[in-house]
Amino acid sequence: MPMNTPSDLILDAAEARFADYGYNKTTMAEIAGDCAMSVGNLYRHFKNKETIALASVKRILQGKLDAGIAAAENETDSLDALRAFLQTRLRIGHAHFADTRHQFDMMELINTHHRKLLLDYEARVIQSLAEIIRRGKSQGHFGACNAEQTAYDIHQATLRYNNPLHLKVNELSVLERDLNRLIDLLYRGLSC
C-alpha cells in the first residue's frame, strides 16, 4: 500500500476539519496541528487555506469520477455500464456528504470564486457518459443519437444524485431507488 504524501495528509486533515467545523471557521494552524506539523511546513505544501480547499474538492470530485469510470469499465454491457457509472458516483457522493455537518461555505467558495473547476469536472463527467453512449450504440443497445448531447442530457437529469445538498438530506436507499427508476426510463428512451 503506498504511503500517504504530506499533501495527502494535509488534505485528509483539511477535509475532516471543513466537514466538521466549516471552511470559514477552519484555520491553517488547526489543519497543521491535525497533521502534527508546523504551520510553516503546511505553507511549504499549500499557499493558503483556499488552495487546500481547491485541492480537496478536486481530489473528491476526481475520485468520484474515477470510481464511476472503473465501475462502468467492469461491465461488458453498455446498459449495465451506464447504471454502474451513475450508481457508483451516487454512493460515493452520499458516503462523503451524508454526514458532513458544514458544507455550505465550501460550496459558496467554489461556486462563487472557482466555478471553472466545477465546469471542467462537469465536462469530464459528460465525456465519460458519452463514451458509454457510444459503446451502447456500437453494441446495438442505443438507437441513433448524438452521444455528446445525450450525455449532457443524462448529466443534467441526474444532477440531483450528485448535489451535496440532496445527498445530505436524503437516505441513500431512496436516492438509489429513484435513480434506478430514472435509469430504467433512460434505457427505454435510448433503446428507441
N, C-alpha and C. Protein backbone atom coordinates (compact mmCIF):
# COMPACT_ATOMS: atom_id res chain seq x y z
N MET A 1 0.85 -1.18 0.00
CA MET A 1 0.00 0.00 0.00
C MET A 1 0.90 1.24 0.00
N PRO A 2 0.65 2.18 -0.92
CA PRO A 2 1.50 3.36 -0.99
C PRO A 2 1.33 4.24 0.25
N MET A 3 2.43 4.86 0.62
CA MET A 3 2.41 5.74 1.78
C MET A 3 1.81 7.09 1.40
N ASN A 4 1.04 7.66 2.29
CA ASN A 4 0.46 8.98 2.04
C ASN A 4 1.56 10.03 2.00
N THR A 5 1.46 10.93 1.05
CA THR A 5 2.39 12.05 0.97
C THR A 5 1.97 13.10 1.99
N PRO A 6 2.86 14.05 2.31
CA PRO A 6 2.44 15.14 3.21
C PRO A 6 1.21 15.88 2.68
N SER A 7 1.14 16.07 1.36
CA SER A 7 -0.03 16.74 0.78
C SER A 7 -1.30 15.95 1.03
N ASP A 8 -1.23 14.62 0.91
CA ASP A 8 -2.40 13.77 1.19
C ASP A 8 -2.83 13.90 2.64
N LEU A 9 -1.85 13.89 3.55
CA LEU A 9 -2.17 14.03 4.98
C LEU A 9 -2.83 15.37 5.27
N ILE A 10 -2.32 16.42 4.64
CA ILE A 10 -2.90 17.76 4.81
C ILE A 10 -4.33 17.78 4.30
N LEU A 11 -4.54 17.22 3.11
CA LEU A 11 -5.89 17.21 2.54
C LEU A 11 -6.85 16.38 3.39
N ASP A 12 -6.38 15.25 3.89
CA ASP A 12 -7.23 14.43 4.77
C ASP A 12 -7.66 15.23 6.00
N ALA A 13 -6.69 15.90 6.62
CA ALA A 13 -6.99 16.69 7.82
C ALA A 13 -7.91 17.86 7.50
N ALA A 14 -7.65 18.53 6.39
CA ALA A 14 -8.47 19.67 5.99
C ALA A 14 -9.90 19.24 5.69
N GLU A 15 -10.06 18.13 4.97
CA GLU A 15 -11.40 17.66 4.65
C GLU A 15 -12.19 17.35 5.91
N ALA A 16 -11.54 16.74 6.88
CA ALA A 16 -12.23 16.45 8.15
C ALA A 16 -12.61 17.74 8.87
N ARG A 17 -11.70 18.69 8.90
CA ARG A 17 -11.98 19.99 9.55
C ARG A 17 -13.11 20.71 8.83
N PHE A 18 -13.02 20.80 7.50
CA PHE A 18 -14.04 21.51 6.74
C PHE A 18 -15.41 20.87 6.95
N ALA A 19 -15.45 19.54 7.02
CA ALA A 19 -16.72 18.83 7.20
C ALA A 19 -17.30 19.07 8.59
N ASP A 20 -16.44 19.07 9.61
CA ASP A 20 -16.92 19.19 10.99
C ASP A 20 -17.14 20.63 11.45
N TYR A 21 -16.27 21.54 11.00
CA TYR A 21 -16.32 22.91 11.52
C TYR A 21 -16.63 23.95 10.45
N GLY A 22 -16.52 23.58 9.20
CA GLY A 22 -16.75 24.52 8.11
C GLY A 22 -15.46 25.15 7.62
N TYR A 23 -15.47 25.53 6.38
CA TYR A 23 -14.30 26.15 5.76
C TYR A 23 -13.96 27.46 6.46
N ASN A 24 -14.95 28.31 6.68
CA ASN A 24 -14.70 29.64 7.24
C ASN A 24 -14.14 29.59 8.66
N LYS A 25 -14.50 28.59 9.44
CA LYS A 25 -14.05 28.51 10.83
C LYS A 25 -12.77 27.70 11.00
N THR A 26 -12.27 27.13 9.93
CA THR A 26 -11.04 26.33 9.99
C THR A 26 -9.84 27.24 9.75
N THR A 27 -8.81 27.05 10.55
CA THR A 27 -7.59 27.84 10.38
C THR A 27 -6.45 26.95 9.89
N MET A 28 -5.44 27.58 9.32
CA MET A 28 -4.25 26.86 8.88
C MET A 28 -3.58 26.20 10.09
N ALA A 29 -3.58 26.88 11.22
CA ALA A 29 -2.95 26.33 12.43
C ALA A 29 -3.65 25.04 12.87
N GLU A 30 -4.98 25.01 12.77
CA GLU A 30 -5.72 23.80 13.15
C GLU A 30 -5.40 22.65 12.20
N ILE A 31 -5.35 22.94 10.91
CA ILE A 31 -5.01 21.90 9.94
C ILE A 31 -3.60 21.38 10.22
N ALA A 32 -2.66 22.28 10.43
CA ALA A 32 -1.28 21.88 10.74
C ALA A 32 -1.24 21.02 11.99
N GLY A 33 -1.95 21.44 13.03
CA GLY A 33 -1.99 20.66 14.27
C GLY A 33 -2.54 19.26 14.05
N ASP A 34 -3.59 19.16 13.24
CA ASP A 34 -4.18 17.85 12.95
C ASP A 34 -3.21 16.95 12.19
N CYS A 35 -2.27 17.55 11.48
CA CYS A 35 -1.26 16.80 10.72
C CYS A 35 0.02 16.59 11.51
N ALA A 36 0.06 17.12 12.72
CA ALA A 36 1.28 17.07 13.56
C ALA A 36 2.46 17.70 12.84
N MET A 37 2.20 18.85 12.23
CA MET A 37 3.28 19.59 11.57
C MET A 37 3.16 21.06 11.92
N SER A 38 4.20 21.79 11.63
CA SER A 38 4.18 23.23 11.90
C SER A 38 3.39 23.94 10.81
N VAL A 39 2.92 25.12 11.14
CA VAL A 39 2.22 25.94 10.15
C VAL A 39 3.16 26.27 8.99
N GLY A 40 4.42 26.55 9.32
CA GLY A 40 5.40 26.84 8.27
C GLY A 40 5.55 25.69 7.30
N ASN A 41 5.55 24.47 7.81
CA ASN A 41 5.65 23.30 6.93
C ASN A 41 4.39 23.17 6.07
N LEU A 42 3.25 23.49 6.64
CA LEU A 42 1.99 23.46 5.89
C LEU A 42 2.06 24.40 4.69
N TYR A 43 2.63 25.59 4.92
CA TYR A 43 2.75 26.57 3.84
C TYR A 43 3.76 26.14 2.77
N ARG A 44 4.62 25.20 3.07
CA ARG A 44 5.53 24.68 2.04
C ARG A 44 4.77 23.84 1.01
N HIS A 45 3.63 23.32 1.43
CA HIS A 45 2.85 22.45 0.55
C HIS A 45 1.67 23.18 -0.11
N PHE A 46 1.11 24.15 0.59
CA PHE A 46 -0.05 24.88 0.08
C PHE A 46 0.10 26.36 0.41
N LYS A 47 -0.25 27.19 -0.58
CA LYS A 47 -0.10 28.64 -0.44
C LYS A 47 -0.97 29.23 0.66
N ASN A 48 -2.21 28.70 0.77
CA ASN A 48 -3.14 29.20 1.76
C ASN A 48 -4.31 28.22 1.92
N LYS A 49 -5.23 28.57 2.77
CA LYS A 49 -6.37 27.68 3.05
C LYS A 49 -7.21 27.45 1.80
N GLU A 50 -7.34 28.47 0.97
CA GLU A 50 -8.16 28.32 -0.25
C GLU A 50 -7.55 27.31 -1.21
N THR A 51 -6.23 27.30 -1.34
CA THR A 51 -5.60 26.31 -2.22
C THR A 51 -5.77 24.90 -1.67
N ILE A 52 -5.80 24.78 -0.35
CA ILE A 52 -6.09 23.47 0.25
C ILE A 52 -7.52 23.05 -0.08
N ALA A 53 -8.45 23.98 0.06
CA ALA A 53 -9.85 23.68 -0.23
C ALA A 53 -10.03 23.27 -1.69
N LEU A 54 -9.38 23.98 -2.60
CA LEU A 54 -9.49 23.63 -4.02
C LEU A 54 -8.91 22.26 -4.30
N ALA A 55 -7.74 21.98 -3.73
CA ALA A 55 -7.12 20.66 -3.93
C ALA A 55 -8.01 19.56 -3.36
N SER A 56 -8.65 19.85 -2.23
CA SER A 56 -9.55 18.89 -1.60
C SER A 56 -10.76 18.60 -2.50
N VAL A 57 -11.37 19.64 -3.01
CA VAL A 57 -12.55 19.47 -3.88
C VAL A 57 -12.15 18.72 -5.15
N LYS A 58 -11.02 19.08 -5.73
CA LYS A 58 -10.56 18.38 -6.94
C LYS A 58 -10.35 16.90 -6.65
N ARG A 59 -9.74 16.60 -5.53
CA ARG A 59 -9.46 15.21 -5.17
C ARG A 59 -10.77 14.43 -4.98
N ILE A 60 -11.73 15.03 -4.30
CA ILE A 60 -13.01 14.36 -4.06
C ILE A 60 -13.73 14.11 -5.39
N LEU A 61 -13.81 15.14 -6.22
CA LEU A 61 -14.51 15.00 -7.50
C LEU A 61 -13.82 13.99 -8.41
N GLN A 62 -12.49 14.05 -8.47
CA GLN A 62 -11.76 13.12 -9.34
C GLN A 62 -11.91 11.69 -8.85
N GLY A 63 -11.88 11.49 -7.54
CA GLY A 63 -12.07 10.15 -7.00
C GLY A 63 -13.43 9.58 -7.34
N LYS A 64 -14.44 10.44 -7.28
CA LYS A 64 -15.80 10.02 -7.62
C LYS A 64 -15.91 9.66 -9.10
N LEU A 65 -15.30 10.47 -9.95
CA LEU A 65 -15.33 10.20 -11.39
C LEU A 65 -14.55 8.94 -11.71
N ASP A 66 -13.36 8.79 -11.14
CA ASP A 66 -12.54 7.60 -11.40
C ASP A 66 -13.27 6.33 -10.99
N ALA A 67 -13.94 6.36 -9.85
CA ALA A 67 -14.69 5.19 -9.39
C ALA A 67 -15.84 4.87 -10.33
N GLY A 68 -16.53 5.90 -10.82
CA GLY A 68 -17.62 5.68 -11.77
C GLY A 68 -17.12 5.08 -13.07
N ILE A 69 -16.01 5.60 -13.57
CA ILE A 69 -15.43 5.08 -14.81
C ILE A 69 -15.01 3.62 -14.62
N ALA A 70 -14.35 3.33 -13.51
CA ALA A 70 -13.90 1.96 -13.24
C ALA A 70 -15.09 1.00 -13.16
N ALA A 71 -16.15 1.44 -12.50
CA ALA A 71 -17.35 0.60 -12.38
C ALA A 71 -17.95 0.34 -13.76
N ALA A 72 -18.00 1.36 -14.61
CA ALA A 72 -18.54 1.21 -15.96
C ALA A 72 -17.67 0.28 -16.80
N GLU A 73 -16.36 0.43 -16.65
CA GLU A 73 -15.44 -0.41 -17.44
C GLU A 73 -15.50 -1.87 -17.03
N ASN A 74 -15.95 -2.16 -15.82
CA ASN A 74 -16.09 -3.54 -15.36
C ASN A 74 -17.30 -4.24 -15.96
N GLU A 75 -18.16 -3.49 -16.61
CA GLU A 75 -19.38 -4.05 -17.20
C GLU A 75 -19.18 -4.20 -18.71
N THR A 76 -19.51 -5.37 -19.24
CA THR A 76 -19.38 -5.58 -20.68
C THR A 76 -20.57 -4.99 -21.43
N ASP A 77 -21.72 -4.99 -20.81
CA ASP A 77 -22.94 -4.48 -21.43
C ASP A 77 -23.06 -2.99 -21.15
N SER A 78 -23.31 -2.21 -22.18
CA SER A 78 -23.38 -0.75 -22.03
C SER A 78 -24.53 -0.31 -21.13
N LEU A 79 -25.62 -1.06 -21.12
CA LEU A 79 -26.73 -0.71 -20.24
C LEU A 79 -26.30 -0.84 -18.78
N ASP A 80 -25.60 -1.92 -18.48
CA ASP A 80 -25.10 -2.12 -17.12
C ASP A 80 -24.01 -1.09 -16.79
N ALA A 81 -23.22 -0.71 -17.79
CA ALA A 81 -22.15 0.27 -17.58
C ALA A 81 -22.74 1.63 -17.19
N LEU A 82 -23.81 2.03 -17.85
CA LEU A 82 -24.46 3.31 -17.51
C LEU A 82 -24.97 3.28 -16.08
N ARG A 83 -25.63 2.19 -15.72
CA ARG A 83 -26.14 2.06 -14.35
C ARG A 83 -24.99 2.07 -13.35
N ALA A 84 -23.93 1.33 -13.63
CA ALA A 84 -22.79 1.25 -12.71
C ALA A 84 -22.14 2.62 -12.54
N PHE A 85 -21.97 3.36 -13.63
CA PHE A 85 -21.36 4.69 -13.57
C PHE A 85 -22.18 5.62 -12.67
N LEU A 86 -23.48 5.68 -12.91
CA LEU A 86 -24.35 6.60 -12.16
C LEU A 86 -24.51 6.17 -10.71
N GLN A 87 -24.73 4.89 -10.46
CA GLN A 87 -24.94 4.41 -9.09
C GLN A 87 -23.67 4.52 -8.25
N THR A 88 -22.52 4.23 -8.85
CA THR A 88 -21.27 4.32 -8.10
C THR A 88 -21.01 5.75 -7.66
N ARG A 89 -21.20 6.69 -8.56
CA ARG A 89 -20.99 8.09 -8.22
C ARG A 89 -21.97 8.55 -7.13
N LEU A 90 -23.21 8.07 -7.20
CA LEU A 90 -24.19 8.39 -6.16
C LEU A 90 -23.71 7.87 -4.80
N ARG A 91 -23.30 6.61 -4.74
CA ARG A 91 -22.90 6.01 -3.46
C ARG A 91 -21.69 6.72 -2.85
N ILE A 92 -20.72 7.04 -3.68
CA ILE A 92 -19.53 7.72 -3.17
C ILE A 92 -19.88 9.13 -2.68
N GLY A 93 -20.66 9.84 -3.46
CA GLY A 93 -21.09 11.18 -3.05
C GLY A 93 -21.89 11.14 -1.77
N HIS A 94 -22.78 10.18 -1.65
CA HIS A 94 -23.60 10.08 -0.45
C HIS A 94 -22.74 9.75 0.75
N ALA A 95 -21.81 8.83 0.59
CA ALA A 95 -20.92 8.47 1.70
C ALA A 95 -20.11 9.68 2.16
N HIS A 96 -19.75 10.52 1.23
CA HIS A 96 -18.95 11.69 1.59
C HIS A 96 -19.77 12.80 2.23
N PHE A 97 -20.95 13.06 1.70
CA PHE A 97 -21.71 14.24 2.13
C PHE A 97 -22.80 13.98 3.16
N ALA A 98 -23.24 12.75 3.33
CA ALA A 98 -24.37 12.48 4.23
C ALA A 98 -24.09 12.91 5.67
N ASP A 99 -22.86 12.75 6.12
CA ASP A 99 -22.54 13.09 7.50
C ASP A 99 -21.74 14.38 7.63
N THR A 100 -21.66 15.14 6.56
CA THR A 100 -20.93 16.40 6.59
C THR A 100 -21.82 17.46 7.24
N ARG A 101 -21.36 17.97 8.37
CA ARG A 101 -22.17 18.96 9.09
C ARG A 101 -22.12 20.32 8.42
N HIS A 102 -20.96 20.68 7.89
CA HIS A 102 -20.77 22.00 7.29
C HIS A 102 -20.28 21.87 5.86
N GLN A 103 -21.09 22.29 4.94
CA GLN A 103 -20.66 22.25 3.54
C GLN A 103 -21.02 23.51 2.78
N PHE A 104 -21.86 24.32 3.36
CA PHE A 104 -22.36 25.48 2.62
C PHE A 104 -21.27 26.49 2.30
N ASP A 105 -20.37 26.75 3.25
CA ASP A 105 -19.33 27.73 2.96
C ASP A 105 -18.34 27.22 1.91
N MET A 106 -18.08 25.90 1.89
CA MET A 106 -17.22 25.33 0.83
C MET A 106 -17.92 25.45 -0.52
N MET A 107 -19.21 25.13 -0.55
CA MET A 107 -19.96 25.23 -1.80
C MET A 107 -19.98 26.67 -2.29
N GLU A 108 -20.16 27.61 -1.37
CA GLU A 108 -20.17 29.02 -1.75
C GLU A 108 -18.81 29.45 -2.31
N LEU A 109 -17.74 29.02 -1.67
CA LEU A 109 -16.40 29.35 -2.15
C LEU A 109 -16.20 28.85 -3.58
N ILE A 110 -16.52 27.61 -3.82
CA ILE A 110 -16.30 27.01 -5.14
C ILE A 110 -17.24 27.64 -6.17
N ASN A 111 -18.52 27.74 -5.84
CA ASN A 111 -19.49 28.30 -6.80
C ASN A 111 -19.23 29.77 -7.11
N THR A 112 -18.76 30.52 -6.13
CA THR A 112 -18.56 31.95 -6.32
C THR A 112 -17.22 32.29 -6.95
N HIS A 113 -16.17 31.63 -6.51
CA HIS A 113 -14.83 32.03 -6.93
C HIS A 113 -14.11 31.03 -7.84
N HIS A 114 -14.63 29.81 -7.93
CA HIS A 114 -13.91 28.79 -8.69
C HIS A 114 -14.87 27.95 -9.53
N ARG A 115 -15.78 28.61 -10.16
CA ARG A 115 -16.81 27.94 -10.96
C ARG A 115 -16.19 27.10 -12.08
N LYS A 116 -15.06 27.56 -12.61
CA LYS A 116 -14.39 26.83 -13.70
C LYS A 116 -14.01 25.41 -13.27
N LEU A 117 -13.65 25.23 -12.01
CA LEU A 117 -13.33 23.90 -11.50
C LEU A 117 -14.53 22.97 -11.69
N LEU A 118 -15.71 23.45 -11.34
CA LEU A 118 -16.92 22.64 -11.48
C LEU A 118 -17.27 22.41 -12.94
N LEU A 119 -17.11 23.42 -13.77
CA LEU A 119 -17.41 23.28 -15.19
C LEU A 119 -16.46 22.30 -15.87
N ASP A 120 -15.18 22.34 -15.50
CA ASP A 120 -14.21 21.39 -16.05
C ASP A 120 -14.55 19.96 -15.63
N TYR A 121 -14.92 19.80 -14.38
CA TYR A 121 -15.30 18.49 -13.88
C TYR A 121 -16.56 17.99 -14.61
N GLU A 122 -17.53 18.87 -14.74
CA GLU A 122 -18.77 18.51 -15.43
C GLU A 122 -18.47 18.05 -16.86
N ALA A 123 -17.56 18.73 -17.54
CA ALA A 123 -17.20 18.35 -18.91
C ALA A 123 -16.60 16.94 -18.94
N ARG A 124 -15.79 16.60 -17.94
CA ARG A 124 -15.20 15.25 -17.89
C ARG A 124 -16.27 14.19 -17.60
N VAL A 125 -17.23 14.52 -16.76
CA VAL A 125 -18.33 13.58 -16.49
C VAL A 125 -19.13 13.35 -17.77
N ILE A 126 -19.44 14.42 -18.47
CA ILE A 126 -20.22 14.31 -19.72
C ILE A 126 -19.45 13.50 -20.75
N GLN A 127 -18.14 13.71 -20.84
CA GLN A 127 -17.33 12.94 -21.78
C GLN A 127 -17.35 11.45 -21.43
N SER A 128 -17.30 11.14 -20.15
CA SER A 128 -17.35 9.74 -19.71
C SER A 128 -18.70 9.12 -20.06
N LEU A 129 -19.76 9.87 -19.85
CA LEU A 129 -21.09 9.38 -20.23
C LEU A 129 -21.19 9.18 -21.74
N ALA A 130 -20.61 10.10 -22.50
CA ALA A 130 -20.63 9.98 -23.97
C ALA A 130 -19.94 8.71 -24.43
N GLU A 131 -18.85 8.34 -23.75
CA GLU A 131 -18.15 7.10 -24.09
C GLU A 131 -19.06 5.89 -23.86
N ILE A 132 -19.81 5.90 -22.79
CA ILE A 132 -20.75 4.81 -22.51
C ILE A 132 -21.85 4.78 -23.58
N ILE A 133 -22.34 5.95 -23.96
CA ILE A 133 -23.38 6.03 -25.00
C ILE A 133 -22.84 5.49 -26.34
N ARG A 134 -21.62 5.89 -26.69
CA ARG A 134 -21.02 5.39 -27.95
C ARG A 134 -20.88 3.87 -27.91
N ARG A 135 -20.47 3.35 -26.77
CA ARG A 135 -20.35 1.89 -26.63
C ARG A 135 -21.72 1.24 -26.81
N GLY A 136 -22.75 1.86 -26.21
CA GLY A 136 -24.10 1.32 -26.35
C GLY A 136 -24.60 1.35 -27.78
N LYS A 137 -24.23 2.39 -28.50
CA LYS A 137 -24.61 2.45 -29.93
C LYS A 137 -23.91 1.35 -30.71
N SER A 138 -22.63 1.13 -30.43
CA SER A 138 -21.89 0.10 -31.17
C SER A 138 -22.37 -1.31 -30.81
N GLN A 139 -22.89 -1.49 -29.60
CA GLN A 139 -23.44 -2.78 -29.19
C GLN A 139 -24.88 -2.97 -29.67
N GLY A 140 -25.45 -1.92 -30.25
CA GLY A 140 -26.82 -2.00 -30.74
C GLY A 140 -27.87 -1.83 -29.66
N HIS A 141 -27.47 -1.40 -28.47
CA HIS A 141 -28.43 -1.19 -27.38
C HIS A 141 -29.10 0.18 -27.44
N PHE A 142 -28.38 1.15 -27.94
CA PHE A 142 -28.90 2.50 -28.00
C PHE A 142 -29.13 2.88 -29.45
N GLY A 143 -30.25 3.56 -29.70
CA GLY A 143 -30.57 3.99 -31.05
C GLY A 143 -29.67 5.12 -31.50
N ALA A 144 -29.97 5.59 -32.69
CA ALA A 144 -29.19 6.70 -33.26
C ALA A 144 -29.42 7.95 -32.42
N CYS A 145 -28.35 8.48 -31.88
CA CYS A 145 -28.44 9.70 -31.09
C CYS A 145 -27.07 10.36 -31.10
N ASN A 146 -27.05 11.63 -30.81
CA ASN A 146 -25.80 12.35 -30.66
C ASN A 146 -25.27 12.02 -29.26
N ALA A 147 -24.15 11.31 -29.20
CA ALA A 147 -23.64 10.82 -27.91
C ALA A 147 -23.35 11.96 -26.94
N GLU A 148 -22.75 13.04 -27.44
CA GLU A 148 -22.40 14.16 -26.55
C GLU A 148 -23.65 14.85 -26.01
N GLN A 149 -24.63 15.09 -26.88
CA GLN A 149 -25.85 15.74 -26.43
C GLN A 149 -26.61 14.85 -25.46
N THR A 150 -26.69 13.56 -25.77
CA THR A 150 -27.37 12.62 -24.88
C THR A 150 -26.67 12.55 -23.53
N ALA A 151 -25.34 12.53 -23.56
CA ALA A 151 -24.56 12.50 -22.31
C ALA A 151 -24.84 13.76 -21.49
N TYR A 152 -24.87 14.91 -22.16
CA TYR A 152 -25.18 16.17 -21.48
C TYR A 152 -26.57 16.09 -20.84
N ASP A 153 -27.54 15.59 -21.59
CA ASP A 153 -28.91 15.49 -21.08
C ASP A 153 -29.00 14.54 -19.88
N ILE A 154 -28.29 13.41 -19.95
CA ILE A 154 -28.29 12.47 -18.83
C ILE A 154 -27.65 13.13 -17.60
N HIS A 155 -26.56 13.83 -17.84
CA HIS A 155 -25.91 14.52 -16.72
C HIS A 155 -26.87 15.52 -16.07
N GLN A 156 -27.55 16.30 -16.87
CA GLN A 156 -28.49 17.27 -16.32
C GLN A 156 -29.63 16.58 -15.58
N ALA A 157 -30.11 15.46 -16.13
CA ALA A 157 -31.22 14.74 -15.50
C ALA A 157 -30.82 14.09 -14.17
N THR A 158 -29.53 13.85 -13.98
CA THR A 158 -29.09 13.15 -12.78
C THR A 158 -28.37 14.06 -11.78
N LEU A 159 -28.46 15.36 -11.95
CA LEU A 159 -27.78 16.28 -11.02
C LEU A 159 -28.23 16.09 -9.58
N ARG A 160 -29.47 15.76 -9.38
CA ARG A 160 -29.98 15.55 -8.00
C ARG A 160 -29.15 14.51 -7.26
N TYR A 161 -28.64 13.55 -7.99
CA TYR A 161 -27.93 12.43 -7.38
C TYR A 161 -26.44 12.72 -7.18
N ASN A 162 -26.06 13.96 -7.42
CA ASN A 162 -24.67 14.38 -7.22
C ASN A 162 -24.57 15.69 -6.45
N ASN A 163 -25.69 16.31 -6.16
CA ASN A 163 -25.69 17.58 -5.45
C ASN A 163 -25.51 17.33 -3.95
N PRO A 164 -24.48 17.94 -3.34
CA PRO A 164 -24.24 17.71 -1.91
C PRO A 164 -25.46 17.97 -1.02
N LEU A 165 -26.26 18.96 -1.36
CA LEU A 165 -27.45 19.25 -0.53
C LEU A 165 -28.45 18.10 -0.57
N HIS A 166 -28.69 17.56 -1.75
CA HIS A 166 -29.63 16.43 -1.87
C HIS A 166 -29.05 15.18 -1.23
N LEU A 167 -27.75 14.99 -1.36
CA LEU A 167 -27.12 13.81 -0.78
C LEU A 167 -27.18 13.85 0.74
N LYS A 168 -27.11 15.04 1.30
CA LYS A 168 -27.12 15.18 2.75
C LYS A 168 -28.50 14.93 3.35
N VAL A 169 -29.54 15.36 2.67
CA VAL A 169 -30.89 15.32 3.28
C VAL A 169 -31.73 14.13 2.84
N ASN A 170 -31.20 13.26 1.99
CA ASN A 170 -31.96 12.10 1.53
C ASN A 170 -31.25 10.81 1.90
N GLU A 171 -32.03 9.81 2.24
CA GLU A 171 -31.48 8.48 2.52
C GLU A 171 -30.93 7.89 1.22
N LEU A 172 -29.84 7.15 1.35
CA LEU A 172 -29.23 6.53 0.17
C LEU A 172 -30.21 5.59 -0.51
N SER A 173 -30.96 4.82 0.26
CA SER A 173 -31.90 3.86 -0.34
C SER A 173 -32.95 4.57 -1.19
N VAL A 174 -33.41 5.72 -0.76
CA VAL A 174 -34.39 6.49 -1.53
C VAL A 174 -33.76 7.00 -2.82
N LEU A 175 -32.56 7.54 -2.71
CA LEU A 175 -31.87 8.06 -3.90
C LEU A 175 -31.56 6.93 -4.88
N GLU A 176 -31.12 5.79 -4.39
CA GLU A 176 -30.84 4.65 -5.28
C GLU A 176 -32.09 4.19 -5.99
N ARG A 177 -33.17 4.08 -5.26
CA ARG A 177 -34.43 3.64 -5.85
C ARG A 177 -34.88 4.63 -6.93
N ASP A 178 -34.83 5.92 -6.61
CA ASP A 178 -35.24 6.95 -7.59
C ASP A 178 -34.33 6.94 -8.81
N LEU A 179 -33.03 6.83 -8.58
CA LEU A 179 -32.09 6.81 -9.70
C LEU A 179 -32.30 5.58 -10.57
N ASN A 180 -32.57 4.44 -9.96
CA ASN A 180 -32.84 3.24 -10.76
C ASN A 180 -34.06 3.41 -11.65
N ARG A 181 -35.10 4.04 -11.12
CA ARG A 181 -36.29 4.31 -11.95
C ARG A 181 -35.94 5.24 -13.11
N LEU A 182 -35.14 6.26 -12.83
CA LEU A 182 -34.72 7.19 -13.88
C LEU A 182 -33.87 6.48 -14.92
N ILE A 183 -32.96 5.62 -14.48
CA ILE A 183 -32.11 4.87 -15.42
C ILE A 183 -32.99 3.97 -16.29
N ASP A 184 -33.98 3.31 -15.71
CA ASP A 184 -34.90 2.48 -16.50
C ASP A 184 -35.61 3.31 -17.56
N LEU A 185 -36.02 4.51 -17.20
CA LEU A 185 -36.65 5.42 -18.15
C LEU A 185 -35.67 5.81 -19.25
N LEU A 186 -34.44 6.11 -18.87
CA LEU A 186 -33.41 6.45 -19.86
C LEU A 186 -33.16 5.29 -20.81
N TYR A 187 -33.10 4.06 -20.28
CA TYR A 187 -32.91 2.89 -21.13
C TYR A 187 -33.98 2.80 -22.19
N ARG A 188 -35.22 3.00 -21.76
CA ARG A 188 -36.33 2.90 -22.72
C ARG A 188 -36.19 3.96 -23.80
N GLY A 189 -35.81 5.16 -23.41
CA GLY A 189 -35.63 6.22 -24.40
C GLY A 189 -34.45 5.99 -25.31
N LEU A 190 -33.36 5.50 -24.76
CA LEU A 190 -32.14 5.27 -25.56
C LEU A 190 -32.29 4.09 -26.49
N SER A 191 -33.16 3.15 -26.15
CA SER A 191 -33.31 1.94 -26.94
C SER A 191 -34.13 2.16 -28.21
N CYS A 192 -34.78 3.31 -28.31
CA CYS A 192 -35.65 3.57 -29.47
C CYS A 192 -34.83 3.73 -30.74
